[in-house]
């Protein structure tokens, strides 16, 4: 294995040389696959043969001559690899001889049983209004209703109208026990002067824990802290069982202090977002809630590059609402994975009212994905982009320019930080 002079990140073409084994049943000789590497094998052991090649990887798919071991350079597990699920299915069922026996219904039944048996004390559940924490709270309410207390913390970093919407669908519609705590001043104060994105995530994780600790002391005792952590959060934070680099520390994974007095409960930790949505549907959560675009736990803090200020929060919050509203109006909100706006400290020159004006440049990002492990930029129509740009520059004070992000994941991540 050696470093190559050319890297492969994102979409690549794989030429299939042997359409048996992993590629059994494939009608074509080429597929699009998702790569993420800057190294490649330069030679193979004598007992291995090549199944597929890419432009920069001469051994992109290989197997031993006895057909018992396989290796791939690309990512078959991600949605953007064409027929990737078929590759995995061929390996699991044809090569390994495994039998199908898992379903989301069985996962729900088993998880409710496991939680009701394992949880011996009261549970404090962090709820943000996003899909993950909403599903986790309803699942826990189904399993341990009398032991559960949910808390929604207003961090000052939320979308417009978030608290009211959460109260409506969780407390009033679904009967989840929930209290609301305004801790915005604590979060904004702690973030003052913090520039590094990893530091921001860790600060937010620490303040979350401190707020929960205070709540627990006042209304406890609580033995457990429950969160809506998903598998991509675990992977990107470098906390999976496999060796993985830290891409970004999620506040609910690597951001929690080691001396937290409560045991952490994460019933969705092994699931991807699409699986969580399926689970939520089984739990009776309305489709409108389940189809909400992902919103980062640290909120707008990771959509603001550099220091989080009151002015930048206003610009970011107002711009985000315009982006989401216009996608709803266009009828494409439920067709994409995520849409939002972000900004940094860069100022650019514009012309407003025939006068020179220096202001913010807002970046709009809309992506397509299935599980958030990979993503591709959405080919939005020019009229839609024009309307978003016009509304942001006209309606959000301080903005003079809007640009559109067209990087896939990899090499980029979905959120800017």
Protein backbone atom coordinates (compact mmCIF):
# COMPACT_ATOMS: atom_id res chain seq x y z
CA UNK A 1 0.00 0.00 0.00
CA UNK A 2 1.44 3.36 -1.03
CA UNK A 3 0.39 6.98 -1.29
CA UNK A 4 -0.61 7.86 -4.82
CA UNK A 5 0.01 11.05 -6.73
CA UNK A 6 -3.71 11.38 -7.40
CA UNK A 7 -6.49 11.15 -4.83
CA UNK A 8 -9.99 9.80 -5.28
CA UNK A 9 -12.68 11.47 -3.19
CA UNK A 10 -16.36 11.23 -3.98
CA UNK A 11 -17.76 9.93 -7.25
CA UNK A 12 -15.53 7.55 -9.27
CA UNK A 13 -16.04 4.97 -12.00
CA UNK A 14 -15.38 1.30 -11.26
CA UNK A 15 -14.73 -1.09 -14.14
CA UNK A 16 -15.83 -4.63 -13.28
CA UNK A 17 -13.50 -7.34 -14.59
CA UNK A 18 -15.24 -10.35 -13.07
CA UNK A 19 -19.03 -10.37 -12.69
CA UNK A 20 -19.17 -13.24 -10.24
CA UNK A 21 -18.91 -13.26 -6.44
CA UNK A 22 -19.42 -9.68 -5.24
CA UNK A 23 -20.67 -8.57 -8.65
CA UNK A 24 -22.92 -11.53 -9.37
CA UNK A 25 -26.00 -10.54 -11.33
CA UNK A 26 -24.64 -7.17 -12.46
CA UNK A 27 -25.90 -6.31 -15.96
CA UNK A 28 -23.15 -3.78 -16.68
CA UNK A 29 -19.35 -3.63 -16.69
CA UNK A 30 -19.09 -0.19 -15.06
CA UNK A 31 -20.71 1.39 -12.02
CA UNK A 32 -20.39 4.71 -10.22
CA UNK A 33 -18.91 4.29 -6.77
CA UNK A 34 -17.91 6.52 -3.87
CA UNK A 35 -14.20 6.67 -3.06
CA UNK A 36 -12.33 8.27 -0.17
CA UNK A 37 -8.61 7.54 -0.35
CA UNK A 38 -5.20 8.89 -1.23
CA UNK A 39 -3.45 5.51 -1.22
CA UNK A 40 -3.78 2.27 -3.15
CA UNK A 41 -2.35 -1.23 -3.25
CA UNK A 42 0.60 -1.54 -5.67
CA UNK A 43 0.74 -5.34 -5.80
CA UNK A 44 -1.27 -8.36 -4.67
CA UNK A 45 -0.35 -11.65 -3.01
CA UNK A 46 -0.21 -14.57 -5.41
CA UNK A 47 -3.45 -16.08 -4.15
CA UNK A 48 -5.56 -13.01 -5.02
CA UNK A 49 -7.20 -11.91 -8.26
CA UNK A 50 -8.60 -8.57 -9.41
CA UNK A 51 -12.36 -8.09 -9.68
CA UNK A 52 -12.48 -4.36 -10.46
CA UNK A 53 -10.34 -1.30 -11.15
CA UNK A 54 -10.76 2.48 -11.01
CA UNK A 55 -8.74 5.23 -12.61
CA UNK A 56 -6.39 5.56 -9.64
CA UNK A 57 -6.72 2.13 -8.04
CA UNK A 58 -5.61 -0.92 -10.09
CA UNK A 59 -6.93 -3.24 -7.36
CA UNK A 60 -10.20 -1.54 -6.40
CA UNK A 61 -11.90 -4.92 -5.81
CA UNK A 62 -10.09 -8.20 -5.19
CA UNK A 63 -10.67 -11.73 -3.90
CA UNK A 64 -8.66 -14.76 -2.94
CA UNK A 65 -8.65 -17.66 -5.39
CA UNK A 66 -10.75 -19.78 -3.01
CA UNK A 67 -13.45 -17.05 -2.97
CA UNK A 68 -13.45 -16.74 0.82
CA UNK A 69 -11.82 -13.32 1.28
CA UNK A 70 -12.62 -10.06 -0.49
CA UNK A 71 -11.32 -6.52 -0.42
CA UNK A 72 -12.65 -3.28 -1.90
CA UNK A 73 -11.09 0.18 -2.13
CA UNK A 74 -14.44 1.95 -2.50
CA UNK A 75 -17.44 2.21 -0.16
CA UNK A 76 -20.19 -0.28 -1.10
CA UNK A 77 -22.15 0.56 2.05
CA UNK A 78 -23.06 4.11 1.05
CA UNK A 79 -26.10 5.08 -0.96
CA UNK A 80 -24.10 6.88 -3.65
CA UNK A 81 -22.33 3.69 -4.76
CA UNK A 82 -24.41 2.27 -7.58
CA UNK A 83 -25.81 -1.16 -6.64
CA UNK A 84 -23.78 -1.03 -3.42
CA UNK A 85 -26.53 -2.82 -1.51
CA UNK A 86 -26.39 -5.63 -4.08
CA UNK A 87 -22.65 -5.99 -3.53
CA UNK A 88 -23.18 -6.30 0.22
CA UNK A 89 -26.13 -8.64 -0.29
CA UNK A 90 -24.03 -10.89 -2.53
CA UNK A 91 -21.35 -11.06 0.15
CA UNK A 92 -23.67 -11.60 3.11
CA UNK A 93 -26.09 -14.08 1.59
CA UNK A 94 -24.28 -15.73 -1.35
CA UNK A 95 -20.73 -15.85 0.01
CA UNK A 96 -21.33 -16.08 3.76
CA UNK A 97 -24.64 -17.94 3.58
CA UNK A 98 -26.35 -15.73 6.16
CA UNK A 99 -30.14 -15.82 6.59
CA UNK A 100 -32.48 -12.81 6.80
CA UNK A 101 -34.00 -12.43 10.25
CA UNK A 102 -33.90 -8.72 11.17
CA UNK A 103 -36.58 -6.09 10.67
CA UNK A 104 -37.33 -2.67 12.10
CA UNK A 105 -40.42 -4.14 13.75
CA UNK A 106 -38.30 -6.75 15.54
CA UNK A 107 -35.77 -4.05 16.49
CA UNK A 108 -38.57 -1.98 18.03
CA UNK A 109 -39.95 -4.92 19.99
CA UNK A 110 -36.53 -6.05 21.20
CA UNK A 111 -35.41 -2.54 22.12
CA UNK A 112 -38.54 -1.80 24.14
CA UNK A 113 -38.09 -5.09 25.97
CA UNK A 114 -34.39 -4.46 26.60
CA UNK A 115 -34.97 -0.89 27.85
CA UNK A 116 -37.86 -1.84 30.14
CA UNK A 117 -35.73 -4.58 31.68
CA UNK A 118 -32.40 -2.73 31.90
CA UNK A 119 -33.52 0.71 33.07
CA UNK A 120 -33.77 0.58 36.85
CA UNK A 121 -33.97 4.27 37.71
CA UNK A 122 -35.29 7.56 36.35
CA UNK A 123 -34.14 8.77 32.95
CA UNK A 124 -33.46 12.35 31.91
CA UNK A 125 -33.76 12.63 28.12
CA UNK A 126 -32.29 15.46 26.06
CA UNK A 127 -34.77 16.60 23.39
CA UNK A 128 -33.92 19.10 20.65
CA UNK A 129 -36.91 18.80 18.33
CA UNK A 130 -34.90 17.02 15.66
CA UNK A 131 -35.84 13.63 14.26
CA UNK A 132 -33.29 11.68 16.32
CA UNK A 133 -34.11 12.98 19.79
CA UNK A 134 -37.84 12.97 19.02
CA UNK A 135 -37.78 9.29 18.07
CA UNK A 136 -35.60 8.47 21.08
CA UNK A 137 -37.98 10.23 23.47
CA UNK A 138 -41.10 8.56 22.07
CA UNK A 139 -39.35 5.16 22.13
CA UNK A 140 -38.32 5.64 25.76
CA UNK A 141 -41.79 6.87 26.66
CA UNK A 142 -43.20 3.66 25.19
CA UNK A 143 -40.71 1.51 27.14
CA UNK A 144 -40.38 3.24 30.54
CA UNK A 145 -43.08 5.94 30.63
CA UNK A 146 -43.23 6.49 34.40
CA UNK A 147 -39.43 6.71 34.70
CA UNK A 148 -38.90 9.26 31.89
CA UNK A 149 -38.49 13.03 32.03
CA UNK A 150 -37.52 14.92 28.87
CA UNK A 151 -35.89 18.33 28.83
CA UNK A 152 -35.70 20.78 25.96
CA UNK A 153 -32.87 23.26 26.40
CA UNK A 154 -33.08 26.57 24.55
CA UNK A 155 -29.44 27.16 23.70
CA UNK A 156 -30.02 30.40 21.82
CA UNK A 157 -28.65 28.55 18.78
CA UNK A 158 -31.92 27.13 17.48
CA UNK A 159 -34.06 27.60 14.41
CA UNK A 160 -36.84 30.16 14.50
CA UNK A 161 -39.89 28.95 16.47
CA UNK A 162 -38.23 25.69 17.52
CA UNK A 163 -39.45 25.56 21.13
CA UNK A 164 -43.10 26.17 20.21
CA UNK A 165 -43.03 23.51 17.51
CA UNK A 166 -41.45 20.93 19.83
CA UNK A 167 -44.03 21.62 22.53
CA UNK A 168 -46.82 21.11 20.01
CA UNK A 169 -45.85 17.75 18.52
CA UNK A 170 -44.08 16.09 21.48
CA UNK A 171 -45.92 17.35 24.55
CA UNK A 172 -49.41 18.04 23.21
CA UNK A 173 -49.73 15.53 20.36
CA UNK A 174 -47.63 12.57 21.56
CA UNK A 175 -47.88 12.94 25.35
CA UNK A 176 -44.14 12.94 26.04
CA UNK A 177 -43.34 14.48 29.47
CA UNK A 178 -41.14 17.50 28.74
CA UNK A 179 -39.85 20.60 30.53
CA UNK A 180 -38.34 23.66 28.84
CA UNK A 181 -35.19 25.36 30.15
CA UNK A 182 -33.87 28.67 28.77
CA UNK A 183 -30.08 28.42 29.01
CA UNK A 184 -29.30 30.65 26.03
CA UNK A 185 -27.24 33.13 28.03
CA UNK A 186 -25.00 30.36 29.42
CA UNK A 187 -24.29 28.96 25.95
CA UNK A 188 -23.69 32.30 24.24
CA UNK A 189 -21.47 33.49 27.08
CA UNK A 190 -19.36 30.30 27.00
CA UNK A 191 -18.96 30.57 23.21
CA UNK A 192 -17.73 34.15 23.35
CA UNK A 193 -14.26 34.31 21.79
CA UNK A 194 -14.26 30.62 20.77
CA UNK A 195 -13.21 30.26 17.12
CA UNK A 196 -12.17 26.64 16.53
CA UNK A 197 -15.10 24.39 15.48
CA UNK A 198 -13.92 21.46 17.62
CA UNK A 199 -13.65 23.77 20.63
CA UNK A 200 -17.16 25.09 19.97
CA UNK A 201 -18.60 21.58 19.89
CA UNK A 202 -16.84 20.64 23.12
CA UNK A 203 -17.94 23.85 24.84
CA UNK A 204 -21.54 23.17 23.83
CA UNK A 205 -21.28 19.57 25.05
CA UNK A 206 -19.93 20.78 28.39
CA UNK A 207 -22.65 23.40 28.88
CA UNK A 208 -25.34 20.87 27.92
CA UNK A 209 -24.02 18.51 30.60
CA UNK A 210 -23.84 21.28 33.20
CA UNK A 211 -27.44 22.34 32.52
CA UNK A 212 -28.62 18.75 32.75
CA UNK A 213 -26.64 18.24 35.96
CA UNK A 214 -28.29 21.28 37.55
CA UNK A 215 -31.73 20.10 36.42
CA UNK A 216 -31.02 16.62 37.76
CA UNK A 217 -29.96 17.95 41.16
CA UNK A 218 -33.11 20.05 41.40
CA UNK A 219 -35.67 17.55 40.10
CA UNK A 220 -33.84 14.24 40.48
CA UNK A 221 -32.43 11.92 41.29
CA UNK A 222 -31.86 10.64 37.73
CA UNK A 223 -29.66 7.66 37.09
CA UNK A 224 -29.52 7.95 33.29
CA UNK A 225 -29.05 10.60 30.60
CA UNK A 226 -30.68 9.59 27.29
CA UNK A 227 -29.72 10.99 23.89
CA UNK A 228 -30.65 10.51 20.24
CA UNK A 229 -27.13 9.60 19.12
CA UNK A 230 -26.93 7.86 15.72
CA UNK A 231 -24.22 5.69 14.18
CA UNK A 232 -22.85 8.46 11.89
CA UNK A 233 -22.35 10.63 15.02
CA UNK A 234 -20.31 7.82 16.57
CA UNK A 235 -18.24 7.27 13.42
CA UNK A 236 -17.43 10.94 12.83
CA UNK A 237 -16.47 11.39 16.48
CA UNK A 238 -14.00 8.50 16.25
CA UNK A 239 -15.83 6.51 18.96
CA UNK A 240 -16.77 3.36 17.02
CA UNK A 241 -15.23 -0.04 17.69
CA UNK A 242 -13.33 0.20 14.41
CA UNK A 243 -10.28 2.45 14.03
CA UNK A 244 -11.52 5.81 12.73
CA UNK A 245 -10.20 9.35 12.74
CA UNK A 246 -12.11 12.16 14.42
CA UNK A 247 -13.86 14.06 11.63
CA UNK A 248 -15.85 16.27 13.97
CA UNK A 249 -16.66 15.75 17.63
CA UNK A 250 -20.42 15.56 18.05
CA UNK A 251 -21.42 17.33 21.24
CA UNK A 252 -23.42 14.31 22.38
CA UNK A 253 -20.53 11.86 21.84
CA UNK A 254 -17.05 13.29 22.37
CA UNK A 255 -18.32 16.54 23.87
CA UNK A 256 -19.67 15.06 27.10
CA UNK A 257 -17.44 15.36 30.19
CA UNK A 258 -15.86 12.18 31.51
CA UNK A 259 -17.09 12.85 35.06
CA UNK A 260 -20.79 12.98 34.11
CA UNK A 261 -22.75 11.67 37.09
CA UNK A 262 -25.39 9.89 34.97
CA UNK A 263 -25.10 6.78 32.81
CA UNK A 264 -25.65 7.49 29.13
CA UNK A 265 -28.49 5.68 27.30
CA UNK A 266 -28.47 5.80 23.49
CA UNK A 267 -31.15 3.49 22.05
CA UNK A 268 -30.55 4.64 18.44
CA UNK A 269 -26.76 4.41 18.50
CA UNK A 270 -26.60 1.57 15.94
CA UNK A 271 -29.00 3.14 13.43
CA UNK A 272 -28.75 5.46 10.43
CA UNK A 273 -31.14 8.36 9.84
CA UNK A 274 -33.31 6.52 7.30
CA UNK A 275 -33.71 3.65 9.78
CA UNK A 276 -34.61 6.10 12.55
CA UNK A 277 -37.33 7.58 10.35
CA UNK A 278 -38.71 4.07 9.73
CA UNK A 279 -38.67 3.42 13.47
CA UNK A 280 -40.43 6.72 14.12
CA UNK A 281 -43.20 5.78 11.69
CA UNK A 282 -43.75 2.52 13.60
CA UNK A 283 -44.00 4.57 16.79
CA UNK A 284 -46.74 6.73 15.28
CA UNK A 285 -44.74 9.95 14.93
CA UNK A 286 -46.29 12.20 12.24
CA UNK A 287 -44.58 12.25 8.83
CA UNK A 288 -44.17 16.04 9.06
CA UNK A 289 -41.89 15.57 12.07
CA UNK A 290 -39.97 12.64 10.61
CA UNK A 291 -39.29 14.47 7.34
CA UNK A 292 -37.75 17.52 9.02
CA UNK A 293 -34.28 18.16 7.71
CA UNK A 294 -31.46 17.20 10.08
CA UNK A 295 -30.42 20.01 12.39
CA UNK A 296 -27.06 19.75 14.20
CA UNK A 297 -27.09 19.28 17.95
CA UNK A 298 -24.80 22.31 18.45
CA UNK A 299 -27.32 24.26 16.40
CA UNK A 300 -26.37 27.34 14.41
CA UNK A 301 -23.00 27.46 16.18
CA UNK A 302 -21.61 25.05 13.57
CA UNK A 303 -23.18 27.01 10.73
CA UNK A 304 -21.29 30.09 11.87
CA UNK A 305 -17.61 29.96 11.00
CA UNK A 306 -15.55 31.78 13.59
CA UNK A 307 -16.95 33.40 16.70
CA UNK A 308 -20.67 33.11 17.41
CA UNK A 309 -22.10 36.62 17.82
CA UNK A 310 -25.62 37.95 18.20
CA UNK A 311 -25.44 39.60 14.77
CA UNK A 312 -24.16 36.47 12.99
CA UNK A 313 -26.84 34.38 14.72
CA UNK A 314 -29.52 36.73 13.42
CA UNK A 315 -28.15 36.55 9.87
CA UNK A 316 -27.74 32.78 10.00
CA UNK A 317 -31.17 32.09 11.54
CA UNK A 318 -33.03 34.35 9.11
CA UNK A 319 -31.15 32.97 6.10
CA UNK A 320 -31.79 29.37 7.15
CA UNK A 321 -35.52 30.02 7.40
CA UNK A 322 -35.63 31.52 3.92
CA UNK A 323 -33.81 28.51 2.43
CA UNK A 324 -36.16 25.99 4.04
CA UNK A 325 -39.29 28.04 3.27
CA UNK A 326 -38.37 28.35 -0.41
CA UNK A 327 -37.74 24.61 -0.73
CA UNK A 328 -41.16 23.95 0.77
CA UNK A 329 -42.71 26.47 -1.62
CA UNK A 330 -40.90 24.83 -4.56
CA UNK A 331 -42.12 21.36 -3.49
CA UNK A 332 -38.63 19.89 -3.16
CA UNK A 333 -38.13 20.03 0.63
CA UNK A 334 -38.99 16.34 1.09
CA UNK A 335 -36.96 15.32 -1.96
CA UNK A 336 -33.59 16.40 -0.54
CA UNK A 337 -31.71 15.37 2.58
CA UNK A 338 -30.82 18.75 4.01
CA UNK A 339 -30.87 22.45 3.19
CA UNK A 340 -29.45 25.38 5.09
CA UNK A 341 -27.35 28.53 5.01
CA UNK A 342 -24.08 29.30 6.75
CA UNK A 343 -21.68 32.22 7.03
CA UNK A 344 -18.29 33.24 8.35
CA UNK A 345 -16.42 36.46 9.00
CA UNK A 346 -15.62 37.21 5.37
CA UNK A 347 -17.01 40.51 4.17
CA UNK A 348 -17.54 41.29 0.50
CA UNK A 349 -18.43 44.45 -1.35
CA UNK A 350 -21.92 44.96 -2.70
CA UNK A 351 -24.06 47.75 -4.10
CA UNK A 352 -27.29 48.58 -2.29
CA UNK A 353 -29.32 51.62 -3.28
CA UNK A 354 -26.57 52.83 -5.62
CA UNK A 355 -24.17 52.90 -2.69
CA UNK A 356 -21.15 50.78 -1.86
CA UNK A 357 -21.97 48.36 0.94
CA UNK A 358 -19.63 45.89 2.66
CA UNK A 359 -21.50 42.98 4.16
CA UNK A 360 -21.72 39.24 4.78
CA UNK A 361 -21.52 36.53 2.16
CA UNK A 362 -23.98 33.72 2.91
CA UNK A 363 -23.42 30.21 1.55
CA UNK A 364 -26.45 28.06 0.71
CA UNK A 365 -26.06 24.28 0.80
CA UNK A 366 -28.61 21.69 -0.35
CA UNK A 367 -27.62 18.02 -0.44
CA UNK A 368 -29.01 14.64 -1.40
CA UNK A 369 -28.26 11.64 0.81
CA UNK A 370 -29.77 8.55 2.42
CA UNK A 371 -27.69 7.94 5.54
CA UNK A 372 -25.46 11.06 5.85
CA UNK A 373 -22.33 8.95 5.49
CA UNK A 374 -22.04 10.33 1.95
CA UNK A 375 -23.85 13.17 0.22
CA UNK A 376 -23.99 14.87 -3.14
CA UNK A 377 -24.93 18.47 -3.87
CA UNK A 378 -28.45 19.03 -5.15
CA UNK A 379 -28.77 20.34 -8.70
CA UNK A 380 -31.23 23.07 -7.76
CA UNK A 381 -33.00 24.96 -10.52
CA UNK A 382 -31.67 28.39 -11.39
CA UNK A 383 -35.02 30.08 -10.63
CA UNK A 384 -35.04 28.50 -7.14
CA UNK A 385 -31.48 29.66 -6.42
CA UNK A 386 -32.28 33.11 -7.78
CA UNK A 387 -35.30 33.43 -5.50
CA UNK A 388 -33.34 32.29 -2.42
CA UNK A 389 -30.52 34.72 -3.21
CA UNK A 390 -32.87 37.61 -3.86
CA UNK A 391 -34.83 37.07 -0.65
CA UNK A 392 -31.72 36.73 1.53
CA UNK A 393 -30.02 39.85 0.16
CA UNK A 394 -33.26 41.84 0.30
CA UNK A 395 -34.62 40.65 3.63
CA UNK A 396 -31.61 39.81 5.81
CA UNK A 397 -29.89 42.99 6.95
CA UNK A 398 -26.13 42.92 6.47
CA UNK A 399 -25.97 40.38 3.61
CA UNK A 400 -24.76 41.52 0.18
CA UNK A 401 -23.86 38.21 -1.50
CA UNK A 402 -25.15 34.63 -1.68
CA UNK A 403 -23.18 31.66 -3.08
CA UNK A 404 -24.08 27.99 -3.60
CA UNK A 405 -21.94 25.07 -2.30
CA UNK A 406 -21.32 22.23 -4.78
CA UNK A 407 -18.90 19.94 -2.90
CA UNK A 408 -19.89 16.34 -2.19
CA UNK A 409 -19.17 14.34 0.96
CA UNK A 410 -16.36 13.35 0.73
CA UNK A 411 -14.27 15.47 0.49
CA UNK A 412 -16.53 17.94 2.32
CA UNK A 413 -18.80 17.17 5.24
CA UNK A 414 -22.47 18.12 5.12
CA UNK A 415 -22.37 20.77 7.84
CA UNK A 416 -19.53 23.27 7.35
CA UNK A 417 -18.06 22.52 10.79
